[in-house]
């Protein structure tokens, strides 16, 4: 996988979130590093599954969103921010692959 800047990852993730939400308000919503999935975007679990599929399609299987989310407790999930996901993707994509 090629290296992408945090800004590029954020732009990709914001685009994917808008596609998954598929609501008029989401097209114009400001999605940044501090945007909360629960409070600001009101993302539901089924939407997170769809987001995970899109992330895998773009970034590959080394970005295992389901595993990453499963390691979090309820409080962490409720307060999850877009920036945390962006940082996770950037960190995983910068690791050398072993294929």
PDB file of N, CA and C in Angstrom:
ATOM      1  N   UNK A   1       0.843  -1.192   0.000  1.00  0.00           N
ATOM      2  CA  UNK A   1       0.000   0.000   0.000  1.00  0.00           C
ATOM      3  C   UNK A   1       0.876   1.239   0.000  1.00  0.00           C
ATOM      4  N   UNK A   2       0.477   2.230  -0.747  1.00  0.00           N
ATOM      5  CA  UNK A   2       1.272   3.436  -0.783  1.00  0.00           C
ATOM      6  C   UNK A   2       0.990   4.291   0.458  1.00  0.00           C
ATOM      7  N   UNK A   3       1.981   5.085   0.824  1.00  0.00           N
ATOM      8  CA  UNK A   3       1.813   5.946   1.993  1.00  0.00           C
ATOM      9  C   UNK A   3       0.914   7.116   1.632  1.00  0.00           C
ATOM     10  N   UNK A   4      -0.007   7.390   2.518  1.00  0.00           N
ATOM     11  CA  UNK A   4      -0.904   8.523   2.333  1.00  0.00           C
ATOM     12  C   UNK A   4      -0.766   9.426   3.536  1.00  0.00           C
ATOM     13  N   UNK A   5      -0.919  10.718   3.315  1.00  0.00           N
ATOM     14  CA  UNK A   5      -0.849  11.646   4.432  1.00  0.00           C
ATOM     15  C   UNK A   5      -2.110  11.534   5.269  1.00  0.00           C
ATOM     16  N   UNK A   6      -2.034  12.013   6.490  1.00  0.00           N
ATOM     17  CA  UNK A   6      -3.195  12.002   7.375  1.00  0.00           C
ATOM     18  C   UNK A   6      -4.344  12.770   6.749  1.00  0.00           C
ATOM     19  N   UNK A   7      -4.044  13.852   6.055  1.00  0.00           N
ATOM     20  CA  UNK A   7      -5.081  14.630   5.376  1.00  0.00           C
ATOM     21  C   UNK A   7      -5.778  13.842   4.288  1.00  0.00           C
ATOM     22  N   UNK A   8      -5.009  13.047   3.544  1.00  0.00           N
ATOM     23  CA  UNK A   8      -5.599  12.210   2.499  1.00  0.00           C
ATOM     24  C   UNK A   8      -6.470  11.124   3.108  1.00  0.00           C
ATOM     25  N   UNK A   9      -6.003  10.524   4.211  1.00  0.00           N
ATOM     26  CA  UNK A   9      -6.792   9.487   4.880  1.00  0.00           C
ATOM     27  C   UNK A   9      -8.081  10.108   5.418  1.00  0.00           C
ATOM     28  N   UNK A  10      -7.985  11.285   6.031  1.00  0.00           N
ATOM     29  CA  UNK A  10      -9.173  11.959   6.543  1.00  0.00           C
ATOM     30  C   UNK A  10     -10.160  12.241   5.411  1.00  0.00           C
ATOM     31  N   UNK A  11      -9.674  12.705   4.275  1.00  0.00           N
ATOM     32  CA  UNK A  11     -10.558  12.980   3.134  1.00  0.00           C
ATOM     33  C   UNK A  11     -11.233  11.694   2.659  1.00  0.00           C
ATOM     34  N   UNK A  12     -10.471  10.601   2.589  1.00  0.00           N
ATOM     35  CA  UNK A  12     -11.046   9.309   2.191  1.00  0.00           C
ATOM     36  C   UNK A  12     -12.117   8.859   3.175  1.00  0.00           C
ATOM     37  N   UNK A  13     -11.796   8.916   4.466  1.00  0.00           N
ATOM     38  CA  UNK A  13     -12.730   8.452   5.499  1.00  0.00           C
ATOM     39  C   UNK A  13     -13.988   9.322   5.505  1.00  0.00           C
ATOM     40  N   UNK A  14     -13.830  10.634   5.393  1.00  0.00           N
ATOM     41  CA  UNK A  14     -14.993  11.530   5.367  1.00  0.00           C
ATOM     42  C   UNK A  14     -15.891  11.203   4.175  1.00  0.00           C
ATOM     43  N   UNK A  15     -15.290  10.957   3.013  1.00  0.00           N
ATOM     44  CA  UNK A  15     -16.070  10.590   1.818  1.00  0.00           C
ATOM     45  C   UNK A  15     -16.830   9.289   2.055  1.00  0.00           C
ATOM     46  N   UNK A  16     -16.139   8.299   2.629  1.00  0.00           N
ATOM     47  CA  UNK A  16     -16.781   7.005   2.883  1.00  0.00           C
ATOM     48  C   UNK A  16     -17.916   7.142   3.903  1.00  0.00           C
ATOM     49  N   UNK A  17     -17.713   7.955   4.927  1.00  0.00           N
ATOM     50  CA  UNK A  17     -18.759   8.175   5.930  1.00  0.00           C
ATOM     51  C   UNK A  17     -19.986   8.787   5.270  1.00  0.00           C
ATOM     52  N   UNK A  18     -19.776   9.783   4.425  1.00  0.00           N
ATOM     53  CA  UNK A  18     -20.910  10.419   3.734  1.00  0.00           C
ATOM     54  C   UNK A  18     -21.659   9.414   2.864  1.00  0.00           C
ATOM     55  N   UNK A  19     -20.908   8.548   2.186  1.00  0.00           N
ATOM     56  CA  UNK A  19     -21.539   7.525   1.346  1.00  0.00           C
ATOM     57  C   UNK A  19     -22.359   6.550   2.184  1.00  0.00           C
ATOM     58  N   UNK A  20     -21.821   6.168   3.331  1.00  0.00           N
ATOM     59  CA  UNK A  20     -22.495   5.196   4.194  1.00  0.00           C
ATOM     60  C   UNK A  20     -23.748   5.802   4.822  1.00  0.00           C
ATOM     61  N   UNK A  21     -23.652   7.036   5.280  1.00  0.00           N
ATOM     62  CA  UNK A  21     -24.813   7.690   5.894  1.00  0.00           C
ATOM     63  C   UNK A  21     -25.898   7.919   4.844  1.00  0.00           C
ATOM     64  N   UNK A  22     -25.498   8.335   3.664  1.00  0.00           N
ATOM     65  CA  UNK A  22     -26.406   8.510   2.514  1.00  0.00           C
ATOM     66  C   UNK A  22     -27.622   9.375   2.829  1.00  0.00           C
ATOM     67  N   UNK A  23     -27.410  10.403   3.612  1.00  0.00           N
ATOM     68  CA  UNK A  23     -28.472  11.365   3.924  1.00  0.00           C
ATOM     69  C   UNK A  23     -28.051  12.738   3.393  1.00  0.00           C
ATOM     70  N   UNK A  24     -29.018  13.536   3.055  1.00  0.00           N
ATOM     71  CA  UNK A  24     -28.757  14.876   2.521  1.00  0.00           C
ATOM     72  C   UNK A  24     -27.858  15.693   3.453  1.00  0.00           C
ATOM     73  N   UNK A  25     -28.147  15.692   4.758  1.00  0.00           N
ATOM     74  CA  UNK A  25     -27.379  16.500   5.701  1.00  0.00           C
ATOM     75  C   UNK A  25     -25.912  16.080   5.753  1.00  0.00           C
ATOM     76  N   UNK A  26     -25.623  14.817   5.484  1.00  0.00           N
ATOM     77  CA  UNK A  26     -24.250  14.319   5.576  1.00  0.00           C
ATOM     78  C   UNK A  26     -23.366  14.863   4.460  1.00  0.00           C
ATOM     79  N   UNK A  27     -23.971  15.183   3.319  1.00  0.00           N
ATOM     80  CA  UNK A  27     -23.184  15.719   2.200  1.00  0.00           C
ATOM     81  C   UNK A  27     -22.501  17.030   2.560  1.00  0.00           C
ATOM     82  N   UNK A  28     -23.170  17.813   3.370  1.00  0.00           N
ATOM     83  CA  UNK A  28     -22.637  19.127   3.739  1.00  0.00           C
ATOM     84  C   UNK A  28     -22.001  19.157   5.127  1.00  0.00           C
ATOM     85  N   UNK A  29     -22.089  18.064   5.861  1.00  0.00           N
ATOM     86  CA  UNK A  29     -21.563  18.022   7.231  1.00  0.00           C
ATOM     87  C   UNK A  29     -20.050  18.154   7.227  1.00  0.00           C
ATOM     88  N   UNK A  30     -19.563  18.932   8.158  1.00  0.00           N
ATOM     89  CA  UNK A  30     -18.128  19.058   8.344  1.00  0.00           C
ATOM     90  C   UNK A  30     -17.641  17.838   9.125  1.00  0.00           C
ATOM     91  N   UNK A  31     -16.744  17.071   8.531  1.00  0.00           N
ATOM     92  CA  UNK A  31     -16.207  15.879   9.177  1.00  0.00           C
ATOM     93  C   UNK A  31     -14.707  16.081   9.316  1.00  0.00           C
ATOM     94  N   UNK A  32     -14.277  16.214  10.559  1.00  0.00           N
ATOM     95  CA  UNK A  32     -12.864  16.442  10.841  1.00  0.00           C
ATOM     96  C   UNK A  32     -12.353  15.468  11.875  1.00  0.00           C
ATOM     97  N   UNK A  33     -11.145  15.686  12.316  1.00  0.00           N
ATOM     98  CA  UNK A  33     -10.499  14.780  13.262  1.00  0.00           C
ATOM     99  C   UNK A  33     -11.260  14.692  14.588  1.00  0.00           C
ATOM    100  N   UNK A  34     -11.912  15.769  15.003  1.00  0.00           N
ATOM    101  CA  UNK A  34     -12.626  15.784  16.289  1.00  0.00           C
ATOM    102  C   UNK A  34     -14.093  15.395  16.172  1.00  0.00           C
ATOM    103  N   UNK A  35     -14.552  15.064  14.988  1.00  0.00           N
ATOM    104  CA  UNK A  35     -15.952  14.671  14.801  1.00  0.00           C
ATOM    105  C   UNK A  35     -16.216  13.350  15.504  1.00  0.00           C
ATOM    106  N   UNK A  36     -17.272  13.321  16.307  1.00  0.00           N
ATOM    107  CA  UNK A  36     -17.655  12.116  17.040  1.00  0.00           C
ATOM    108  C   UNK A  36     -18.592  11.264  16.188  1.00  0.00           C
ATOM    109  N   UNK A  37     -18.292   9.958  16.126  1.00  0.00           N
ATOM    110  CA  UNK A  37     -19.171   9.056  15.384  1.00  0.00           C
ATOM    111  C   UNK A  37     -20.568   9.016  16.007  1.00  0.00           C
ATOM    112  N   UNK A  38     -20.644   8.944  17.324  1.00  0.00           N
ATOM    113  CA  UNK A  38     -21.938   8.807  18.002  1.00  0.00           C
ATOM    114  C   UNK A  38     -22.666  10.144  18.116  1.00  0.00           C
ATOM    115  N   UNK A  39     -22.023  11.137  18.686  1.00  0.00           N
ATOM    116  CA  UNK A  39     -22.683  12.408  18.970  1.00  0.00           C
ATOM    117  C   UNK A  39     -22.927  13.242  17.711  1.00  0.00           C
ATOM    118  N   UNK A  40     -21.899  13.412  16.892  1.00  0.00           N
ATOM    119  CA  UNK A  40     -22.020  14.305  15.740  1.00  0.00           C
ATOM    120  C   UNK A  40     -22.656  13.641  14.516  1.00  0.00           C
ATOM    121  N   UNK A  41     -22.291  12.383  14.283  1.00  0.00           N
ATOM    122  CA  UNK A  41     -22.736  11.698  13.066  1.00  0.00           C
ATOM    123  C   UNK A  41     -23.867  10.707  13.302  1.00  0.00           C
ATOM    124  N   UNK A  42     -24.083  10.340  14.564  1.00  0.00           N
ATOM    125  CA  UNK A  42     -25.124   9.375  14.935  1.00  0.00           C
ATOM    126  C   UNK A  42     -25.022   8.101  14.093  1.00  0.00           C
ATOM    127  N   UNK A  43     -23.790   7.618  13.926  1.00  0.00           N
ATOM    128  CA  UNK A  43     -23.524   6.390  13.165  1.00  0.00           C
ATOM    129  C   UNK A  43     -24.070   5.191  13.927  1.00  0.00           C
ATOM    130  N   UNK A  44     -24.767   4.328  13.234  1.00  0.00           N
ATOM    131  CA  UNK A  44     -25.293   3.100  13.829  1.00  0.00           C
ATOM    132  C   UNK A  44     -24.349   1.948  13.505  1.00  0.00           C
ATOM    133  N   UNK A  45     -24.504   0.845  14.225  1.00  0.00           N
ATOM    134  CA  UNK A  45     -23.589  -0.288  14.059  1.00  0.00           C
ATOM    135  C   UNK A  45     -23.584  -0.828  12.630  1.00  0.00           C
ATOM    136  N   UNK A  46     -24.728  -0.885  11.982  1.00  0.00           N
ATOM    137  CA  UNK A  46     -24.782  -1.382  10.611  1.00  0.00           C
ATOM    138  C   UNK A  46     -24.008  -0.459   9.671  1.00  0.00           C
ATOM    139  N   UNK A  47     -24.012   0.824   9.975  1.00  0.00           N
ATOM    140  CA  UNK A  47     -23.249   1.779   9.173  1.00  0.00           C
ATOM    141  C   UNK A  47     -21.749   1.594   9.399  1.00  0.00           C
ATOM    142  N   UNK A  48     -21.360   1.233  10.621  1.00  0.00           N
ATOM    143  CA  UNK A  48     -19.948   0.949  10.888  1.00  0.00           C
ATOM    144  C   UNK A  48     -19.491  -0.275  10.103  1.00  0.00           C
ATOM    145  N   UNK A  49     -20.347  -1.260   9.974  1.00  0.00           N
ATOM    146  CA  UNK A  49     -20.021  -2.450   9.179  1.00  0.00           C
ATOM    147  C   UNK A  49     -19.804  -2.045   7.722  1.00  0.00           C
ATOM    148  N   UNK A  50     -20.677  -1.231   7.195  1.00  0.00           N
ATOM    149  CA  UNK A  50     -20.544  -0.759   5.810  1.00  0.00           C
ATOM    150  C   UNK A  50     -19.277   0.083   5.651  1.00  0.00           C
ATOM    151  N   UNK A  51     -18.970   0.904   6.644  1.00  0.00           N
ATOM    152  CA  UNK A  51     -17.751   1.708   6.606  1.00  0.00           C
ATOM    153  C   UNK A  51     -16.518   0.806   6.621  1.00  0.00           C
ATOM    154  N   UNK A  52     -16.541  -0.223   7.434  1.00  0.00           N
ATOM    155  CA  UNK A  52     -15.421  -1.169   7.506  1.00  0.00           C
ATOM    156  C   UNK A  52     -15.182  -1.828   6.153  1.00  0.00           C
ATOM    157  N   UNK A  53     -16.244  -2.191   5.465  1.00  0.00           N
ATOM    158  CA  UNK A  53     -16.110  -2.806   4.143  1.00  0.00           C
ATOM    159  C   UNK A  53     -15.461  -1.846   3.151  1.00  0.00           C
ATOM    160  N   UNK A  54     -15.855  -0.601   3.205  1.00  0.00           N
ATOM    161  CA  UNK A  54     -15.276   0.397   2.296  1.00  0.00           C
ATOM    162  C   UNK A  54     -13.811   0.645   2.624  1.00  0.00           C
ATOM    163  N   UNK A  55     -13.497   0.703   3.908  1.00  0.00           N
ATOM    164  CA  UNK A  55     -12.110   0.909   4.324  1.00  0.00           C
ATOM    165  C   UNK A  55     -11.246  -0.251   3.835  1.00  0.00           C
ATOM    166  N   UNK A  56     -11.742  -1.477   3.981  1.00  0.00           N
ATOM    167  CA  UNK A  56     -10.996  -2.645   3.491  1.00  0.00           C
ATOM    168  C   UNK A  56     -10.798  -2.584   1.986  1.00  0.00           C
ATOM    169  N   UNK A  57     -11.794  -2.133   1.261  1.00  0.00           N
ATOM    170  CA  UNK A  57     -11.691  -2.046  -0.194  1.00  0.00           C
ATOM    171  C   UNK A  57     -10.624  -1.037  -0.623  1.00  0.00           C
ATOM    172  N   UNK A  58     -10.502   0.046   0.115  1.00  0.00           N
ATOM    173  CA  UNK A  58      -9.543   1.095  -0.241  1.00  0.00           C
ATOM    174  C   UNK A  58      -8.157   0.813   0.326  1.00  0.00           C
ATOM    175  N   UNK A  59      -8.084   0.388   1.581  1.00  0.00           N
ATOM    176  CA  UNK A  59      -6.801   0.279   2.282  1.00  0.00           C
ATOM    177  C   UNK A  59      -6.301  -1.150   2.452  1.00  0.00           C
ATOM    178  N   UNK A  60      -7.121  -2.120   2.160  1.00  0.00           N
ATOM    179  CA  UNK A  60      -6.687  -3.499   2.289  1.00  0.00           C
ATOM    180  C   UNK A  60      -7.070  -4.108   3.625  1.00  0.00           C
ATOM    181  N   UNK A  61      -6.848  -5.393   3.715  1.00  0.00           N
ATOM    182  CA  UNK A  61      -7.264  -6.154   4.892  1.00  0.00           C
ATOM    183  C   UNK A  61      -6.430  -5.881   6.140  1.00  0.00           C
ATOM    184  N   UNK A  62      -5.268  -5.244   5.983  1.00  0.00           N
ATOM    185  CA  UNK A  62      -4.471  -4.939   7.177  1.00  0.00           C
ATOM    186  C   UNK A  62      -5.166  -3.921   8.085  1.00  0.00           C
ATOM    187  N   UNK A  63      -6.152  -3.236   7.560  1.00  0.00           N
ATOM    188  CA  UNK A  63      -6.958  -2.328   8.367  1.00  0.00           C
ATOM    189  C   UNK A  63      -8.200  -3.113   8.797  1.00  0.00           C
ATOM    190  N   UNK A  64      -8.106  -3.798   9.915  1.00  0.00           N
ATOM    191  CA  UNK A  64      -9.205  -4.634  10.399  1.00  0.00           C
ATOM    192  C   UNK A  64     -10.020  -3.818  11.406  1.00  0.00           C
ATOM    193  N   UNK A  65     -11.001  -3.094  10.895  1.00  0.00           N
ATOM    194  CA  UNK A  65     -11.813  -2.218  11.726  1.00  0.00           C
ATOM    195  C   UNK A  65     -12.593  -2.993  12.783  1.00  0.00           C
ATOM    196  N   UNK A  66     -13.124  -4.155  12.418  1.00  0.00           N
ATOM    197  CA  UNK A  66     -13.900  -4.947  13.383  1.00  0.00           C
ATOM    198  C   UNK A  66     -13.034  -5.350  14.575  1.00  0.00           C
ATOM    199  N   UNK A  67     -11.831  -5.809  14.314  1.00  0.00           N
ATOM    200  CA  UNK A  67     -10.918  -6.204  15.389  1.00  0.00           C
ATOM    201  C   UNK A  67     -10.537  -5.007  16.255  1.00  0.00           C
ATOM    202  N   UNK A  68     -10.262  -3.884  15.610  1.00  0.00           N
ATOM    203  CA  UNK A  68      -9.880  -2.664  16.319  1.00  0.00           C
ATOM    204  C   UNK A  68     -11.010  -2.182  17.232  1.00  0.00           C
ATOM    205  N   UNK A  69     -12.244  -2.202  16.722  1.00  0.00           N
ATOM    206  CA  UNK A  69     -13.391  -1.789  17.528  1.00  0.00           C
ATOM    207  C   UNK A  69     -13.672  -2.767  18.662  1.00  0.00           C
ATOM    208  N   UNK A  70     -13.480  -4.067  18.408  1.00  0.00           N
ATOM    209  CA  UNK A  70     -13.745  -5.088  19.427  1.00  0.00           C
ATOM    210  C   UNK A  70     -12.825  -4.936  20.639  1.00  0.00           C
ATOM    211  N   UNK A  71     -11.682  -4.341  20.453  1.00  0.00           N
ATOM    212  CA  UNK A  71     -10.731  -4.157  21.552  1.00  0.00           C
ATOM    213  C   UNK A  71     -11.096  -2.963  22.438  1.00  0.00           C
ATOM    214  N   UNK A  72     -12.115  -2.223  22.069  1.00  0.00           N
ATOM    215  CA  UNK A  72     -12.508  -1.028  22.820  1.00  0.00           C
ATOM    216  C   UNK A  72     -13.665  -1.342  23.759  1.00  0.00           C
ATOM    217  N   UNK A  73     -13.680  -0.662  24.916  1.00  0.00           N
ATOM    218  CA  UNK A  73     -14.814  -0.833  25.825  1.00  0.00           C
ATOM    219  C   UNK A  73     -15.937   0.114  25.408  1.00  0.00           C
ATOM    220  N   UNK A  74     -17.073  -0.025  26.051  1.00  0.00           N
ATOM    221  CA  UNK A  74     -18.258   0.751  25.663  1.00  0.00           C
ATOM    222  C   UNK A  74     -18.006   2.251  25.711  1.00  0.00           C
ATOM    223  N   UNK A  75     -17.345   2.717  26.748  1.00  0.00           N
ATOM    224  CA  UNK A  75     -17.053   4.146  26.860  1.00  0.00           C
ATOM    225  C   UNK A  75     -16.196   4.658  25.714  1.00  0.00           C
ATOM    226  N   UNK A  76     -15.217   3.858  25.315  1.00  0.00           N
ATOM    227  CA  UNK A  76     -14.355   4.242  24.196  1.00  0.00           C
ATOM    228  C   UNK A  76     -15.141   4.270  22.891  1.00  0.00           C
ATOM    229  N   UNK A  77     -16.051   3.329  22.727  1.00  0.00           N
ATOM    230  CA  UNK A  77     -16.861   3.289  21.512  1.00  0.00           C
ATOM    231  C   UNK A  77     -17.794   4.486  21.417  1.00  0.00           C
ATOM    232  N   UNK A  78     -18.393   4.850  22.529  1.00  0.00           N
ATOM    233  CA  UNK A  78     -19.326   5.980  22.549  1.00  0.00           C
ATOM    234  C   UNK A  78     -18.609   7.294  22.248  1.00  0.00           C
ATOM    235  N   UNK A  79     -17.367   7.409  22.678  1.00  0.00           N
ATOM    236  CA  UNK A  79     -16.629   8.662  22.477  1.00  0.00           C
ATOM    237  C   UNK A  79     -15.692   8.622  21.269  1.00  0.00           C
ATOM    238  N   UNK A  80     -15.782   7.590  20.451  1.00  0.00           N
ATOM    239  CA  UNK A  80     -14.888   7.421  19.303  1.00  0.00           C
ATOM    240  C   UNK A  80     -14.996   8.598  18.342  1.00  0.00           C
ATOM    241  N   UNK A  81     -13.835   9.113  17.952  1.00  0.00           N
ATOM    242  CA  UNK A  81     -13.758  10.234  17.009  1.00  0.00           C
ATOM    243  C   UNK A  81     -13.197   9.770  15.674  1.00  0.00           C
ATOM    244  N   UNK A  82     -13.532  10.481  14.639  1.00  0.00           N
ATOM    245  CA  UNK A  82     -13.036  10.191  13.297  1.00  0.00           C
ATOM    246  C   UNK A  82     -11.509  10.202  13.291  1.00  0.00           C
ATOM    247  N   UNK A  83     -10.913  11.131  14.009  1.00  0.00           N
ATOM    248  CA  UNK A  83      -9.452  11.233  14.061  1.00  0.00           C
ATOM    249  C   UNK A  83      -8.789   9.976  14.591  1.00  0.00           C
ATOM    250  N   UNK A  84      -9.431   9.306  15.537  1.00  0.00           N
ATOM    251  CA  UNK A  84      -8.866   8.062  16.055  1.00  0.00           C
ATOM    252  C   UNK A  84      -8.819   7.004  14.959  1.00  0.00           C
ATOM    253  N   UNK A  85      -9.858   6.929  14.155  1.00  0.00           N
ATOM    254  CA  UNK A  85      -9.885   5.982  13.042  1.00  0.00           C
ATOM    255  C   UNK A  85      -8.831   6.358  12.010  1.00  0.00           C
ATOM    256  N   UNK A  86      -8.729   7.629  11.689  1.00  0.00           N
ATOM    257  CA  UNK A  86      -7.732   8.098  10.722  1.00  0.00           C
ATOM    258  C   UNK A  86      -6.332   7.736  11.205  1.00  0.00           C
ATOM    259  N   UNK A  87      -6.048   7.972  12.483  1.00  0.00           N
ATOM    260  CA  UNK A  87      -4.735   7.641  13.038  1.00  0.00           C
ATOM    261  C   UNK A  87      -4.478   6.140  12.983  1.00  0.00           C
ATOM    262  N   UNK A  88      -5.504   5.337  13.263  1.00  0.00           N
ATOM    263  CA  UNK A  88      -5.369   3.880  13.193  1.00  0.00           C
ATOM    264  C   UNK A  88      -5.032   3.443  11.769  1.00  0.00           C
ATOM    265  N   UNK A  89      -5.743   3.983  10.796  1.00  0.00           N
ATOM    266  CA  UNK A  89      -5.490   3.633   9.395  1.00  0.00           C
ATOM    267  C   UNK A  89      -4.071   4.038   9.004  1.00  0.00           C
ATOM    268  N   UNK A  90      -3.675   5.249   9.371  1.00  0.00           N
ATOM    269  CA  UNK A  90      -2.335   5.724   9.030  1.00  0.00           C
ATOM    270  C   UNK A  90      -1.264   4.851   9.675  1.00  0.00           C
ATOM    271  N   UNK A  91      -1.475   4.470  10.910  1.00  0.00           N
ATOM    272  CA  UNK A  91      -0.507   3.630  11.611  1.00  0.00           C
ATOM    273  C   UNK A  91      -0.420   2.247  10.959  1.00  0.00           C
ATOM    274  N   UNK A  92      -1.548   1.634  10.670  1.00  0.00           N
ATOM    275  CA  UNK A  92      -1.545   0.305  10.052  1.00  0.00           C
ATOM    276  C   UNK A  92      -0.981   0.331   8.652  1.00  0.00           C
ATOM    277  N   UNK A  93      -1.273   1.372   7.912  1.00  0.00           N
ATOM    278  CA  UNK A  93      -0.818   1.424   6.518  1.00  0.00           C
ATOM    279  C   UNK A  93       0.665   1.762   6.413  1.00  0.00           C
ATOM    280  N   UNK A  94       1.267   2.250   7.492  1.00  0.00           N
ATOM    281  CA  UNK A  94       2.692   2.548   7.456  1.00  0.00           C
ATOM    282  C   UNK A  94       3.541   1.355   7.873  1.00  0.00           C
ATOM    283  N   UNK A  95       2.892   0.301   8.383  1.00  0.00           N
ATOM    284  CA  UNK A  95       3.626  -0.915   8.745  1.00  0.00           C
ATOM    285  C   UNK A  95       4.066  -1.655   7.489  1.00  0.00           C
ATOM    286  N   UNK A  96       5.246  -2.231   7.513  1.00  0.00           N
ATOM    287  CA  UNK A  96       5.656  -3.038   6.354  1.00  0.00           C
ATOM    288  C   UNK A  96       4.786  -4.281   6.227  1.00  0.00           C
ATOM    289  N   UNK A  97       4.442  -4.636   5.013  1.00  0.00           N
ATOM    290  CA  UNK A  97       3.646  -5.844   4.795  1.00  0.00           C
ATOM    291  C   UNK A  97       4.573  -7.048   4.723  1.00  0.00           C
ATOM    292  N   UNK A  98       4.016  -8.215   5.044  1.00  0.00           N
ATOM    293  CA  UNK A  98       4.827  -9.432   5.066  1.00  0.00           C
ATOM    294  C   UNK A  98       4.348 -10.426   4.026  1.00  0.00           C
ATOM    295  N   UNK A  99       3.955  -9.959   2.874  1.00  0.00           N
ATOM    296  CA  UNK A  99       3.458 -10.845   1.804  1.00  0.00           C
ATOM    297  C   UNK A  99       4.586 -11.264   0.910  1.00  0.00           C
TER     298      UNK A  99
END
